[in-house]
Structures are given as C-alpha cells and as structure tokens.
C-alpha cells in the first residue's frame, strides 16, 4: 500500500494504485491519479470527467456496479448523443476505460479479463 497527498488529504492506495476509500475522491485527486499513470498522457478533459463521473455514479448508485466496456460505450453514447467506438474510448483511457477509468475515478480494483 502507498499514499498520496492531495490538497492536504492523505489518500491510501492499494497495490494496484486504486483508492482504498473512494469517498475521498474529487477532481483534484483524479488529476493526481492521472498524472501518476505512465500510460495516461495529457490533461483530463470534460469528456474524461463525464466518463469518470458516470463510473462513480454506477458504483455508488447502482449496487457498486463497475460496468464493462460495452456498457460504458453504450451509456456514454446516450449521454453524449452520438455513437462511441472502442477507439474513441481508448483515446481517453489508453489502458482500458473499465480498468484505468475506474482507477482514476477512485474506485476499487476489479480483476477481470477483457472489456466485453
């Protein structure tokens, strides 16, 4: 386990870099987690935060659901009002939206294969 400091808060991370307490998450924590990720390049945009907030909503308001990629694509397409491809989503989260996205969204690690 390790910790990070964000705006005076000490945040504990598990061995995968996921937050131990997802209730401590905010956008500054997300930026810090993204900056720590060698596979994440660039700044978090509104589209990133749309996905992160969607993932957090699913987790906190839908029985700790952590959707797989097909569901993320489908639901984000509805939110954005356009068809979203895997390629579009991997531009945002190159190391899998269902894994890297969950980690940057401050959610627990989930061990599973594939995105569908």
PDB file of N, CA and C in Angstrom:
ATOM      1  N   UNK A   1       0.838  -1.183   0.000  1.00  0.00           N
ATOM      2  CA  UNK A   1       0.000   0.000   0.000  1.00  0.00           C
ATOM      3  C   UNK A   1       0.880   1.243   0.000  1.00  0.00           C
ATOM      4  N   UNK A   2       0.335   2.278  -0.592  1.00  0.00           N
ATOM      5  CA  UNK A   2       1.042   3.551  -0.625  1.00  0.00           C
ATOM      6  C   UNK A   2       0.027   4.663  -0.375  1.00  0.00           C
ATOM      7  N   UNK A   3       0.523   5.875  -0.265  1.00  0.00           N
ATOM      8  CA  UNK A   3      -0.359   7.021  -0.059  1.00  0.00           C
ATOM      9  C   UNK A   3       0.047   8.146  -1.002  1.00  0.00           C
ATOM     10  N   UNK A   4      -0.922   9.009  -1.251  1.00  0.00           N
ATOM     11  CA  UNK A   4      -0.662  10.250  -1.977  1.00  0.00           C
ATOM     12  C   UNK A   4      -1.240  11.392  -1.152  1.00  0.00           C
ATOM     13  N   UNK A   5      -0.706  12.565  -1.353  1.00  0.00           N
ATOM     14  CA  UNK A   5      -1.197  13.771  -0.685  1.00  0.00           C
ATOM     15  C   UNK A   5      -1.838  14.662  -1.745  1.00  0.00           C
ATOM     16  N   UNK A   6      -3.082  15.045  -1.513  1.00  0.00           N
ATOM     17  CA  UNK A   6      -3.776  15.939  -2.440  1.00  0.00           C
ATOM     18  C   UNK A   6      -4.525  16.980  -1.612  1.00  0.00           C
ATOM     19  N   UNK A   7      -4.144  18.231  -1.776  1.00  0.00           N
ATOM     20  CA  UNK A   7      -4.801  19.336  -1.069  1.00  0.00           C
ATOM     21  C   UNK A   7      -4.905  19.079   0.432  1.00  0.00           C
ATOM     22  N   UNK A   8      -3.827  18.579   1.019  1.00  0.00           N
ATOM     23  CA  UNK A   8      -3.809  18.348   2.459  1.00  0.00           C
ATOM     24  C   UNK A   8      -4.454  17.058   2.912  1.00  0.00           C
ATOM     25  N   UNK A   9      -5.006  16.273   1.974  1.00  0.00           N
ATOM     26  CA  UNK A   9      -5.607  14.978   2.320  1.00  0.00           C
ATOM     27  C   UNK A   9      -4.610  13.878   2.024  1.00  0.00           C
ATOM     28  N   UNK A  10      -4.491  12.933   2.955  1.00  0.00           N
ATOM     29  CA  UNK A  10      -3.686  11.740   2.714  1.00  0.00           C
ATOM     30  C   UNK A  10      -4.624  10.653   2.215  1.00  0.00           C
ATOM     31  N   UNK A  11      -4.328  10.125   1.050  1.00  0.00           N
ATOM     32  CA  UNK A  11      -5.198   9.137   0.415  1.00  0.00           C
ATOM     33  C   UNK A  11      -4.431   7.836   0.253  1.00  0.00           C
ATOM     34  N   UNK A  12      -4.989   6.778   0.802  1.00  0.00           N
ATOM     35  CA  UNK A  12      -4.355   5.473   0.749  1.00  0.00           C
ATOM     36  C   UNK A  12      -4.711   4.770  -0.555  1.00  0.00           C
ATOM     37  N   UNK A  13      -3.693   4.158  -1.172  1.00  0.00           N
ATOM     38  CA  UNK A  13      -3.871   3.405  -2.412  1.00  0.00           C
ATOM     39  C   UNK A  13      -3.532   1.940  -2.166  1.00  0.00           C
ATOM     40  N   UNK A  14      -4.248   1.048  -2.850  1.00  0.00           N
ATOM     41  CA  UNK A  14      -3.927  -0.379  -2.741  1.00  0.00           C
ATOM     42  C   UNK A  14      -2.744  -0.716  -3.643  1.00  0.00           C
ATOM     43  N   UNK A  15      -2.400  -1.985  -3.720  1.00  0.00           N
ATOM     44  CA  UNK A  15      -1.231  -2.406  -4.505  1.00  0.00           C
ATOM     45  C   UNK A  15      -1.400  -2.183  -6.004  1.00  0.00           C
ATOM     46  N   UNK A  16      -2.622  -1.915  -6.467  1.00  0.00           N
ATOM     47  CA  UNK A  16      -2.882  -1.651  -7.885  1.00  0.00           C
ATOM     48  C   UNK A  16      -2.951  -0.154  -8.192  1.00  0.00           C
ATOM     49  N   UNK A  17      -2.835   0.679  -7.159  1.00  0.00           N
ATOM     50  CA  UNK A  17      -2.939   2.123  -7.338  1.00  0.00           C
ATOM     51  C   UNK A  17      -4.354   2.645  -7.250  1.00  0.00           C
ATOM     52  N   UNK A  18      -5.294   1.788  -6.826  1.00  0.00           N
ATOM     53  CA  UNK A  18      -6.685   2.212  -6.649  1.00  0.00           C
ATOM     54  C   UNK A  18      -6.878   2.739  -5.232  1.00  0.00           C
ATOM     55  N   UNK A  19      -7.775   3.694  -5.100  1.00  0.00           N
ATOM     56  CA  UNK A  19      -8.054   4.267  -3.784  1.00  0.00           C
ATOM     57  C   UNK A  19      -8.711   3.232  -2.871  1.00  0.00           C
ATOM     58  N   UNK A  20      -8.296   3.237  -1.611  1.00  0.00           N
ATOM     59  CA  UNK A  20      -8.899   2.352  -0.621  1.00  0.00           C
ATOM     60  C   UNK A  20     -10.266   2.904  -0.204  1.00  0.00           C
ATOM     61  N   UNK A  21     -10.373   4.229  -0.078  1.00  0.00           N
ATOM     62  CA  UNK A  21     -11.635   4.872   0.310  1.00  0.00           C
ATOM     63  C   UNK A  21     -12.111   5.775  -0.823  1.00  0.00           C
ATOM     64  N   UNK A  22     -13.034   5.278  -1.675  1.00  0.00           N
ATOM     65  CA  UNK A  22     -13.468   6.076  -2.832  1.00  0.00           C
ATOM     66  C   UNK A  22     -14.227   7.345  -2.475  1.00  0.00           C
ATOM     67  N   UNK A  23     -14.641   7.495  -1.226  1.00  0.00           N
ATOM     68  CA  UNK A  23     -15.375   8.709  -0.844  1.00  0.00           C
ATOM     69  C   UNK A  23     -14.455   9.928  -0.736  1.00  0.00           C
ATOM     70  N   UNK A  24     -13.142   9.723  -0.728  1.00  0.00           N
ATOM     71  CA  UNK A  24     -12.188  10.842  -0.636  1.00  0.00           C
ATOM     72  C   UNK A  24     -11.884  11.456  -1.998  1.00  0.00           C
ATOM     73  N   UNK A  25     -12.446  10.895  -3.072  1.00  0.00           N
ATOM     74  CA  UNK A  25     -12.160  11.323  -4.437  1.00  0.00           C
ATOM     75  C   UNK A  25     -12.756  12.691  -4.727  1.00  0.00           C
ATOM     76  N   UNK A  26     -12.032  13.473  -5.507  1.00  0.00           N
ATOM     77  CA  UNK A  26     -12.568  14.682  -6.129  1.00  0.00           C
ATOM     78  C   UNK A  26     -11.769  14.899  -7.418  1.00  0.00           C
ATOM     79  N   UNK A  27     -12.053  15.958  -8.142  1.00  0.00           N
ATOM     80  CA  UNK A  27     -11.393  16.158  -9.437  1.00  0.00           C
ATOM     81  C   UNK A  27      -9.886  16.359  -9.293  1.00  0.00           C
ATOM     82  N   UNK A  28      -9.439  16.972  -8.201  1.00  0.00           N
ATOM     83  CA  UNK A  28      -8.000  17.132  -7.988  1.00  0.00           C
ATOM     84  C   UNK A  28      -7.332  15.784  -7.743  1.00  0.00           C
ATOM     85  N   UNK A  29      -8.013  14.900  -7.028  1.00  0.00           N
ATOM     86  CA  UNK A  29      -7.491  13.544  -6.821  1.00  0.00           C
ATOM     87  C   UNK A  29      -7.405  12.836  -8.170  1.00  0.00           C
ATOM     88  N   UNK A  30      -8.428  12.984  -9.002  1.00  0.00           N
ATOM     89  CA  UNK A  30      -8.419  12.363 -10.326  1.00  0.00           C
ATOM     90  C   UNK A  30      -7.221  12.857 -11.140  1.00  0.00           C
ATOM     91  N   UNK A  31      -6.967  14.153 -11.094  1.00  0.00           N
ATOM     92  CA  UNK A  31      -5.828  14.704 -11.839  1.00  0.00           C
ATOM     93  C   UNK A  31      -4.502  14.122 -11.319  1.00  0.00           C
ATOM     94  N   UNK A  32      -4.393  13.982 -10.004  1.00  0.00           N
ATOM     95  CA  UNK A  32      -3.182  13.409  -9.414  1.00  0.00           C
ATOM     96  C   UNK A  32      -3.015  11.958  -9.837  1.00  0.00           C
ATOM     97  N   UNK A  33      -4.095  11.181  -9.787  1.00  0.00           N
ATOM     98  CA  UNK A  33      -4.028   9.773 -10.192  1.00  0.00           C
ATOM     99  C   UNK A  33      -3.665   9.649 -11.676  1.00  0.00           C
ATOM    100  N   UNK A  34      -4.223  10.524 -12.502  1.00  0.00           N
ATOM    101  CA  UNK A  34      -3.895  10.503 -13.936  1.00  0.00           C
ATOM    102  C   UNK A  34      -2.429  10.872 -14.152  1.00  0.00           C
ATOM    103  N   UNK A  35      -1.937  11.870 -13.418  1.00  0.00           N
ATOM    104  CA  UNK A  35      -0.539  12.283 -13.553  1.00  0.00           C
ATOM    105  C   UNK A  35       0.421  11.165 -13.149  1.00  0.00           C
ATOM    106  N   UNK A  36       0.010  10.338 -12.202  1.00  0.00           N
ATOM    107  CA  UNK A  36       0.850   9.231 -11.727  1.00  0.00           C
ATOM    108  C   UNK A  36       0.880   8.068 -12.711  1.00  0.00           C
ATOM    109  N   UNK A  37      -0.068   8.031 -13.622  1.00  0.00           N
ATOM    110  CA  UNK A  37      -0.222   6.894 -14.525  1.00  0.00           C
ATOM    111  C   UNK A  37       0.652   7.080 -15.763  1.00  0.00           C
ATOM    112  N   UNK A  38       1.695   6.264 -15.888  1.00  0.00           N
ATOM    113  CA  UNK A  38       2.604   6.395 -17.031  1.00  0.00           C
ATOM    114  C   UNK A  38       1.929   6.076 -18.358  1.00  0.00           C
ATOM    115  N   UNK A  39       0.782   5.399 -18.327  1.00  0.00           N
ATOM    116  CA  UNK A  39       0.068   5.058 -19.562  1.00  0.00           C
ATOM    117  C   UNK A  39      -0.976   6.110 -19.929  1.00  0.00           C
ATOM    118  N   UNK A  40      -1.152   7.112 -19.064  1.00  0.00           N
ATOM    119  CA  UNK A  40      -2.108   8.177 -19.343  1.00  0.00           C
ATOM    120  C   UNK A  40      -1.327   9.396 -19.786  1.00  0.00           C
ATOM    121  N   UNK A  41      -1.678   9.921 -20.951  1.00  0.00           N
ATOM    122  CA  UNK A  41      -0.938  11.050 -21.498  1.00  0.00           C
ATOM    123  C   UNK A  41      -1.893  12.219 -21.687  1.00  0.00           C
ATOM    124  N   UNK A  42      -1.500  13.377 -21.194  1.00  0.00           N
ATOM    125  CA  UNK A  42      -2.302  14.565 -21.405  1.00  0.00           C
ATOM    126  C   UNK A  42      -3.080  14.985 -20.178  1.00  0.00           C
ATOM    127  N   UNK A  43      -3.935  15.964 -20.384  1.00  0.00           N
ATOM    128  CA  UNK A  43      -4.757  16.529 -19.318  1.00  0.00           C
ATOM    129  C   UNK A  43      -6.143  15.895 -19.342  1.00  0.00           C
ATOM    130  N   UNK A  44      -6.766  15.839 -18.180  1.00  0.00           N
ATOM    131  CA  UNK A  44      -8.152  15.365 -18.127  1.00  0.00           C
ATOM    132  C   UNK A  44      -9.069  16.433 -18.717  1.00  0.00           C
ATOM    133  N   UNK A  45      -9.926  16.013 -19.634  1.00  0.00           N
ATOM    134  CA  UNK A  45     -10.860  16.917 -20.302  1.00  0.00           C
ATOM    135  C   UNK A  45     -12.265  16.706 -19.740  1.00  0.00           C
ATOM    136  N   UNK A  46     -13.207  17.487 -20.224  1.00  0.00           N
ATOM    137  CA  UNK A  46     -14.598  17.302 -19.813  1.00  0.00           C
ATOM    138  C   UNK A  46     -15.087  15.901 -20.177  1.00  0.00           C
ATOM    139  N   UNK A  47     -14.669  15.378 -21.326  1.00  0.00           N
ATOM    140  CA  UNK A  47     -15.061  14.017 -21.706  1.00  0.00           C
ATOM    141  C   UNK A  47     -14.536  12.990 -20.705  1.00  0.00           C
ATOM    142  N   UNK A  48     -13.292  13.164 -20.262  1.00  0.00           N
ATOM    143  CA  UNK A  48     -12.759  12.275 -19.232  1.00  0.00           C
ATOM    144  C   UNK A  48     -13.646  12.328 -17.980  1.00  0.00           C
ATOM    145  N   UNK A  49     -13.948  13.557 -17.545  1.00  0.00           N
ATOM    146  CA  UNK A  49     -14.747  13.694 -16.322  1.00  0.00           C
ATOM    147  C   UNK A  49     -16.167  13.169 -16.513  1.00  0.00           C
ATOM    148  N   UNK A  50     -16.712  13.270 -17.722  1.00  0.00           N
ATOM    149  CA  UNK A  50     -18.017  12.659 -17.984  1.00  0.00           C
ATOM    150  C   UNK A  50     -17.959  11.160 -17.722  1.00  0.00           C
ATOM    151  N   UNK A  51     -16.905  10.515 -18.220  1.00  0.00           N
ATOM    152  CA  UNK A  51     -16.752   9.064 -18.022  1.00  0.00           C
ATOM    153  C   UNK A  51     -16.503   8.757 -16.546  1.00  0.00           C
ATOM    154  N   UNK A  52     -15.610   9.509 -15.919  1.00  0.00           N
ATOM    155  CA  UNK A  52     -15.287   9.267 -14.506  1.00  0.00           C
ATOM    156  C   UNK A  52     -16.522   9.429 -13.624  1.00  0.00           C
ATOM    157  N   UNK A  53     -17.285  10.487 -13.868  1.00  0.00           N
ATOM    158  CA  UNK A  53     -18.497  10.702 -13.064  1.00  0.00           C
ATOM    159  C   UNK A  53     -19.542   9.627 -13.337  1.00  0.00           C
ATOM    160  N   UNK A  54     -19.642   9.171 -14.581  1.00  0.00           N
ATOM    161  CA  UNK A  54     -20.545   8.060 -14.918  1.00  0.00           C
ATOM    162  C   UNK A  54     -20.137   6.805 -14.145  1.00  0.00           C
ATOM    163  N   UNK A  55     -18.837   6.476 -14.153  1.00  0.00           N
ATOM    164  CA  UNK A  55     -18.357   5.289 -13.448  1.00  0.00           C
ATOM    165  C   UNK A  55     -18.643   5.389 -11.946  1.00  0.00           C
ATOM    166  N   UNK A  56     -18.434   6.566 -11.389  1.00  0.00           N
ATOM    167  CA  UNK A  56     -18.702   6.757  -9.951  1.00  0.00           C
ATOM    168  C   UNK A  56     -20.200   6.648  -9.662  1.00  0.00           C
ATOM    169  N   UNK A  57     -21.021   7.214 -10.543  1.00  0.00           N
ATOM    170  CA  UNK A  57     -22.470   7.107 -10.371  1.00  0.00           C
ATOM    171  C   UNK A  57     -22.914   5.650 -10.399  1.00  0.00           C
ATOM    172  N   UNK A  58     -22.382   4.890 -11.337  1.00  0.00           N
ATOM    173  CA  UNK A  58     -22.725   3.467 -11.424  1.00  0.00           C
ATOM    174  C   UNK A  58     -22.328   2.737 -10.146  1.00  0.00           C
ATOM    175  N   UNK A  59     -21.158   3.061  -9.624  1.00  0.00           N
ATOM    176  CA  UNK A  59     -20.656   2.384  -8.431  1.00  0.00           C
ATOM    177  C   UNK A  59     -21.494   2.740  -7.194  1.00  0.00           C
ATOM    178  N   UNK A  60     -21.706   4.028  -6.985  1.00  0.00           N
ATOM    179  CA  UNK A  60     -22.379   4.473  -5.756  1.00  0.00           C
ATOM    180  C   UNK A  60     -23.895   4.352  -5.808  1.00  0.00           C
ATOM    181  N   UNK A  61     -24.497   4.425  -6.995  1.00  0.00           N
ATOM    182  CA  UNK A  61     -25.957   4.440  -7.092  1.00  0.00           C
ATOM    183  C   UNK A  61     -26.541   3.218  -7.782  1.00  0.00           C
ATOM    184  N   UNK A  62     -25.697   2.235  -8.088  1.00  0.00           N
ATOM    185  CA  UNK A  62     -26.175   1.042  -8.777  1.00  0.00           C
ATOM    186  C   UNK A  62     -25.474  -0.202  -8.209  1.00  0.00           C
ATOM    187  N   UNK A  63     -25.552  -0.347  -6.888  1.00  0.00           N
ATOM    188  CA  UNK A  63     -25.078  -1.578  -6.228  1.00  0.00           C
ATOM    189  C   UNK A  63     -23.597  -1.867  -6.458  1.00  0.00           C
ATOM    190  N   UNK A  64     -22.759  -0.851  -6.437  1.00  0.00           N
ATOM    191  CA  UNK A  64     -21.315  -0.981  -6.658  1.00  0.00           C
ATOM    192  C   UNK A  64     -20.984  -1.602  -8.019  1.00  0.00           C
ATOM    193  N   UNK A  65     -21.834  -1.311  -9.004  1.00  0.00           N
ATOM    194  CA  UNK A  65     -21.618  -1.786 -10.371  1.00  0.00           C
ATOM    195  C   UNK A  65     -20.381  -1.117 -10.964  1.00  0.00           C
ATOM    196  N   UNK A  66     -19.525  -1.915 -11.575  1.00  0.00           N
ATOM    197  CA  UNK A  66     -18.388  -1.402 -12.331  1.00  0.00           C
ATOM    198  C   UNK A  66     -18.538  -1.943 -13.749  1.00  0.00           C
ATOM    199  N   UNK A  67     -19.189  -1.159 -14.628  1.00  0.00           N
ATOM    200  CA  UNK A  67     -19.543  -1.657 -15.961  1.00  0.00           C
ATOM    201  C   UNK A  67     -18.333  -2.010 -16.816  1.00  0.00           C
ATOM    202  N   UNK A  68     -18.564  -2.985 -17.680  1.00  0.00           N
ATOM    203  CA  UNK A  68     -17.545  -3.370 -18.648  1.00  0.00           C
ATOM    204  C   UNK A  68     -17.644  -2.427 -19.846  1.00  0.00           C
ATOM    205  N   UNK A  69     -16.699  -2.536 -20.754  1.00  0.00           N
ATOM    206  CA  UNK A  69     -16.567  -1.548 -21.816  1.00  0.00           C
ATOM    207  C   UNK A  69     -17.783  -1.415 -22.715  1.00  0.00           C
ATOM    208  N   UNK A  70     -18.398  -2.503 -23.071  1.00  0.00           N
ATOM    209  CA  UNK A  70     -19.568  -2.415 -23.942  1.00  0.00           C
ATOM    210  C   UNK A  70     -20.646  -1.529 -23.322  1.00  0.00           C
ATOM    211  N   UNK A  71     -20.873  -1.712 -22.021  1.00  0.00           N
ATOM    212  CA  UNK A  71     -21.880  -0.902 -21.328  1.00  0.00           C
ATOM    213  C   UNK A  71     -21.444   0.557 -21.228  1.00  0.00           C
ATOM    214  N   UNK A  72     -20.151   0.780 -20.984  1.00  0.00           N
ATOM    215  CA  UNK A  72     -19.642   2.154 -20.927  1.00  0.00           C
ATOM    216  C   UNK A  72     -19.864   2.844 -22.277  1.00  0.00           C
ATOM    217  N   UNK A  73     -19.528   2.169 -23.373  1.00  0.00           N
ATOM    218  CA  UNK A  73     -19.713   2.747 -24.708  1.00  0.00           C
ATOM    219  C   UNK A  73     -21.172   3.080 -24.967  1.00  0.00           C
ATOM    220  N   UNK A  74     -22.037   2.150 -24.634  1.00  0.00           N
ATOM    221  CA  UNK A  74     -23.479   2.334 -24.853  1.00  0.00           C
ATOM    222  C   UNK A  74     -24.016   3.521 -24.045  1.00  0.00           C
ATOM    223  N   UNK A  75     -23.674   3.550 -22.770  1.00  0.00           N
ATOM    224  CA  UNK A  75     -24.197   4.608 -21.899  1.00  0.00           C
ATOM    225  C   UNK A  75     -23.586   5.973 -22.206  1.00  0.00           C
ATOM    226  N   UNK A  76     -22.297   6.008 -22.527  1.00  0.00           N
ATOM    227  CA  UNK A  76     -21.689   7.294 -22.866  1.00  0.00           C
ATOM    228  C   UNK A  76     -22.232   7.800 -24.199  1.00  0.00           C
ATOM    229  N   UNK A  77     -22.552   6.894 -25.112  1.00  0.00           N
ATOM    230  CA  UNK A  77     -23.192   7.301 -26.366  1.00  0.00           C
ATOM    231  C   UNK A  77     -24.517   8.006 -26.114  1.00  0.00           C
ATOM    232  N   UNK A  78     -25.282   7.493 -25.141  1.00  0.00           N
ATOM    233  CA  UNK A  78     -26.554   8.142 -24.776  1.00  0.00           C
ATOM    234  C   UNK A  78     -26.296   9.507 -24.141  1.00  0.00           C
ATOM    235  N   UNK A  79     -25.313   9.573 -23.260  1.00  0.00           N
ATOM    236  CA  UNK A  79     -25.006  10.826 -22.567  1.00  0.00           C
ATOM    237  C   UNK A  79     -24.509  11.880 -23.557  1.00  0.00           C
ATOM    238  N   UNK A  80     -23.636  11.475 -24.474  1.00  0.00           N
ATOM    239  CA  UNK A  80     -23.056  12.418 -25.430  1.00  0.00           C
ATOM    240  C   UNK A  80     -23.902  12.594 -26.685  1.00  0.00           C
ATOM    241  N   UNK A  81     -24.906  11.746 -26.867  1.00  0.00           N
ATOM    242  CA  UNK A  81     -25.788  11.865 -28.026  1.00  0.00           C
ATOM    243  C   UNK A  81     -25.143  11.494 -29.345  1.00  0.00           C
ATOM    244  N   UNK A  82     -24.181  10.563 -29.293  1.00  0.00           N
ATOM    245  CA  UNK A  82     -23.529  10.106 -30.529  1.00  0.00           C
ATOM    246  C   UNK A  82     -22.989   8.701 -30.299  1.00  0.00           C
ATOM    247  N   UNK A  83     -22.732   8.013 -31.393  1.00  0.00           N
ATOM    248  CA  UNK A  83     -22.186   6.656 -31.297  1.00  0.00           C
ATOM    249  C   UNK A  83     -20.717   6.741 -30.899  1.00  0.00           C
ATOM    250  N   UNK A  84     -20.351   5.955 -29.911  1.00  0.00           N
ATOM    251  CA  UNK A  84     -18.984   5.940 -29.397  1.00  0.00           C
ATOM    252  C   UNK A  84     -18.350   4.597 -29.751  1.00  0.00           C
ATOM    253  N   UNK A  85     -17.143   4.645 -30.275  1.00  0.00           N
ATOM    254  CA  UNK A  85     -16.425   3.405 -30.602  1.00  0.00           C
ATOM    255  C   UNK A  85     -15.408   3.101 -29.501  1.00  0.00           C
ATOM    256  N   UNK A  86     -14.940   1.864 -29.493  1.00  0.00           N
ATOM    257  CA  UNK A  86     -13.870   1.492 -28.565  1.00  0.00           C
ATOM    258  C   UNK A  86     -12.655   2.384 -28.785  1.00  0.00           C
ATOM    259  N   UNK A  87     -12.378   2.678 -30.042  1.00  0.00           N
ATOM    260  CA  UNK A  87     -11.228   3.529 -30.378  1.00  0.00           C
ATOM    261  C   UNK A  87     -11.369   4.906 -29.713  1.00  0.00           C
ATOM    262  N   UNK A  88     -12.576   5.473 -29.763  1.00  0.00           N
ATOM    263  CA  UNK A  88     -12.827   6.768 -29.108  1.00  0.00           C
ATOM    264  C   UNK A  88     -12.523   6.682 -27.613  1.00  0.00           C
ATOM    265  N   UNK A  89     -12.988   5.615 -26.985  1.00  0.00           N
ATOM    266  CA  UNK A  89     -12.826   5.467 -25.545  1.00  0.00           C
ATOM    267  C   UNK A  89     -11.365   5.207 -25.171  1.00  0.00           C
ATOM    268  N   UNK A  90     -10.658   4.458 -26.025  1.00  0.00           N
ATOM    269  CA  UNK A  90      -9.244   4.183 -25.750  1.00  0.00           C
ATOM    270  C   UNK A  90      -8.363   5.403 -25.989  1.00  0.00           C
ATOM    271  N   UNK A  91      -8.859   6.378 -26.752  1.00  0.00           N
ATOM    272  CA  UNK A  91      -8.131   7.648 -26.855  1.00  0.00           C
ATOM    273  C   UNK A  91      -8.165   8.370 -25.514  1.00  0.00           C
ATOM    274  N   UNK A  92      -9.285   8.229 -24.804  1.00  0.00           N
ATOM    275  CA  UNK A  92      -9.411   8.846 -23.484  1.00  0.00           C
ATOM    276  C   UNK A  92      -8.662   8.055 -22.417  1.00  0.00           C
ATOM    277  N   UNK A  93      -8.821   6.742 -22.457  1.00  0.00           N
ATOM    278  CA  UNK A  93      -8.219   5.855 -21.452  1.00  0.00           C
ATOM    279  C   UNK A  93      -7.483   4.729 -22.172  1.00  0.00           C
ATOM    280  N   UNK A  94      -6.216   4.964 -22.564  1.00  0.00           N
ATOM    281  CA  UNK A  94      -5.488   4.002 -23.384  1.00  0.00           C
ATOM    282  C   UNK A  94      -5.274   2.636 -22.738  1.00  0.00           C
ATOM    283  N   UNK A  95      -5.408   2.567 -21.424  1.00  0.00           N
ATOM    284  CA  UNK A  95      -5.202   1.295 -20.742  1.00  0.00           C
ATOM    285  C   UNK A  95      -6.533   0.754 -20.208  1.00  0.00           C
ATOM    286  N   UNK A  96      -7.569   0.851 -21.023  1.00  0.00           N
ATOM    287  CA  UNK A  96      -8.905   0.309 -20.773  1.00  0.00           C
ATOM    288  C   UNK A  96      -9.759   1.200 -19.866  1.00  0.00           C
ATOM    289  N   UNK A  97     -10.856   1.700 -20.415  1.00  0.00           N
ATOM    290  CA  UNK A  97     -11.748   2.553 -19.625  1.00  0.00           C
ATOM    291  C   UNK A  97     -12.319   1.843 -18.404  1.00  0.00           C
ATOM    292  N   UNK A  98     -12.520   0.537 -18.496  1.00  0.00           N
ATOM    293  CA  UNK A  98     -13.103  -0.175 -17.354  1.00  0.00           C
ATOM    294  C   UNK A  98     -12.082  -0.444 -16.250  1.00  0.00           C
ATOM    295  N   UNK A  99     -10.797  -0.327 -16.549  1.00  0.00           N
ATOM    296  CA  UNK A  99      -9.764  -0.521 -15.523  1.00  0.00           C
ATOM    297  C   UNK A  99      -9.107   0.811 -15.180  1.00  0.00           C
ATOM    298  N   UNK A 100      -8.481   1.440 -16.175  1.00  0.00           N
ATOM    299  CA  UNK A 100      -7.815   2.710 -15.945  1.00  0.00           C
ATOM    300  C   UNK A 100      -8.836   3.776 -15.534  1.00  0.00           C
ATOM    301  N   UNK A 101      -9.987   3.776 -16.197  1.00  0.00           N
ATOM    302  CA  UNK A 101     -11.039   4.733 -15.838  1.00  0.00           C
ATOM    303  C   UNK A 101     -11.503   4.553 -14.405  1.00  0.00           C
ATOM    304  N   UNK A 102     -11.737   3.308 -14.008  1.00  0.00           N
ATOM    305  CA  UNK A 102     -12.153   3.042 -12.625  1.00  0.00           C
ATOM    306  C   UNK A 102     -11.095   3.504 -11.629  1.00  0.00           C
ATOM    307  N   UNK A 103      -9.824   3.285 -11.960  1.00  0.00           N
ATOM    308  CA  UNK A 103      -8.761   3.680 -11.044  1.00  0.00           C
ATOM    309  C   UNK A 103      -8.716   5.199 -10.900  1.00  0.00           C
ATOM    310  N   UNK A 104      -8.767   5.922 -12.019  1.00  0.00           N
ATOM    311  CA  UNK A 104      -8.728   7.388 -11.965  1.00  0.00           C
ATOM    312  C   UNK A 104     -10.011   7.943 -11.339  1.00  0.00           C
ATOM    313  N   UNK A 105     -11.103   7.192 -11.447  1.00  0.00           N
ATOM    314  CA  UNK A 105     -12.368   7.591 -10.811  1.00  0.00           C
ATOM    315  C   UNK A 105     -12.380   7.287  -9.311  1.00  0.00           C
ATOM    316  N   UNK A 106     -11.280   6.724  -8.813  1.00  0.00           N
ATOM    317  CA  UNK A 106     -11.166   6.481  -7.378  1.00  0.00           C
ATOM    318  C   UNK A 106     -11.884   5.238  -6.892  1.00  0.00           C
ATOM    319  N   UNK A 107     -12.195   4.327  -7.812  1.00  0.00           N
ATOM    320  CA  UNK A 107     -12.968   3.137  -7.458  1.00  0.00           C
ATOM    321  C   UNK A 107     -12.064   1.944  -7.185  1.00  0.00           C
ATOM    322  N   UNK A 108     -12.586   0.943  -6.466  1.00  0.00           N
ATOM    323  CA  UNK A 108     -11.771  -0.228  -6.132  1.00  0.00           C
ATOM    324  C   UNK A 108     -11.317  -0.994  -7.372  1.00  0.00           C
ATOM    325  N   UNK A 109     -10.189  -1.679  -7.217  1.00  0.00           N
ATOM    326  CA  UNK A 109      -9.662  -2.534  -8.275  1.00  0.00           C
ATOM    327  C   UNK A 109     -10.647  -3.664  -8.552  1.00  0.00           C
ATOM    328  N   UNK A 110     -10.806  -3.970  -9.826  1.00  0.00           N
ATOM    329  CA  UNK A 110     -11.659  -5.092 -10.207  1.00  0.00           C
ATOM    330  C   UNK A 110     -10.841  -5.997 -11.132  1.00  0.00           C
ATOM    331  N   UNK A 111     -10.741  -7.250 -10.758  1.00  0.00           N
ATOM    332  CA  UNK A 111      -9.973  -8.221 -11.549  1.00  0.00           C
ATOM    333  C   UNK A 111     -10.903  -8.934 -12.513  1.00  0.00           C
ATOM    334  N   UNK A 112     -10.718  -8.678 -13.779  1.00  0.00           N
ATOM    335  CA  UNK A 112     -11.477  -9.366 -14.815  1.00  0.00           C
ATOM    336  C   UNK A 112     -10.739  -9.220 -16.120  1.00  0.00           C
ATOM    337  N   UNK A 113     -11.060 -10.091 -17.048  1.00  0.00           N
ATOM    338  CA  UNK A 113     -10.433 -10.068 -18.361  1.00  0.00           C
ATOM    339  C   UNK A 113     -11.326  -9.345 -19.349  1.00  0.00           C
ATOM    340  N   UNK A 114     -10.692  -8.803 -20.353  1.00  0.00           N
ATOM    341  CA  UNK A 114     -11.446  -8.264 -21.486  1.00  0.00           C
ATOM    342  C   UNK A 114     -12.358  -7.115 -21.141  1.00  0.00           C
ATOM    343  N   UNK A 115     -12.955  -6.562 -22.173  1.00  0.00           N
ATOM    344  CA  UNK A 115     -13.786  -5.392 -21.964  1.00  0.00           C
ATOM    345  C   UNK A 115     -15.234  -5.629 -22.287  1.00  0.00           C
ATOM    346  N   UNK A 116     -15.574  -6.821 -22.728  1.00  0.00           N
ATOM    347  CA  UNK A 116     -16.944  -7.048 -23.104  1.00  0.00           C
ATOM    348  C   UNK A 116     -17.537  -8.112 -22.227  1.00  0.00           C
TER     349      UNK A 116
END
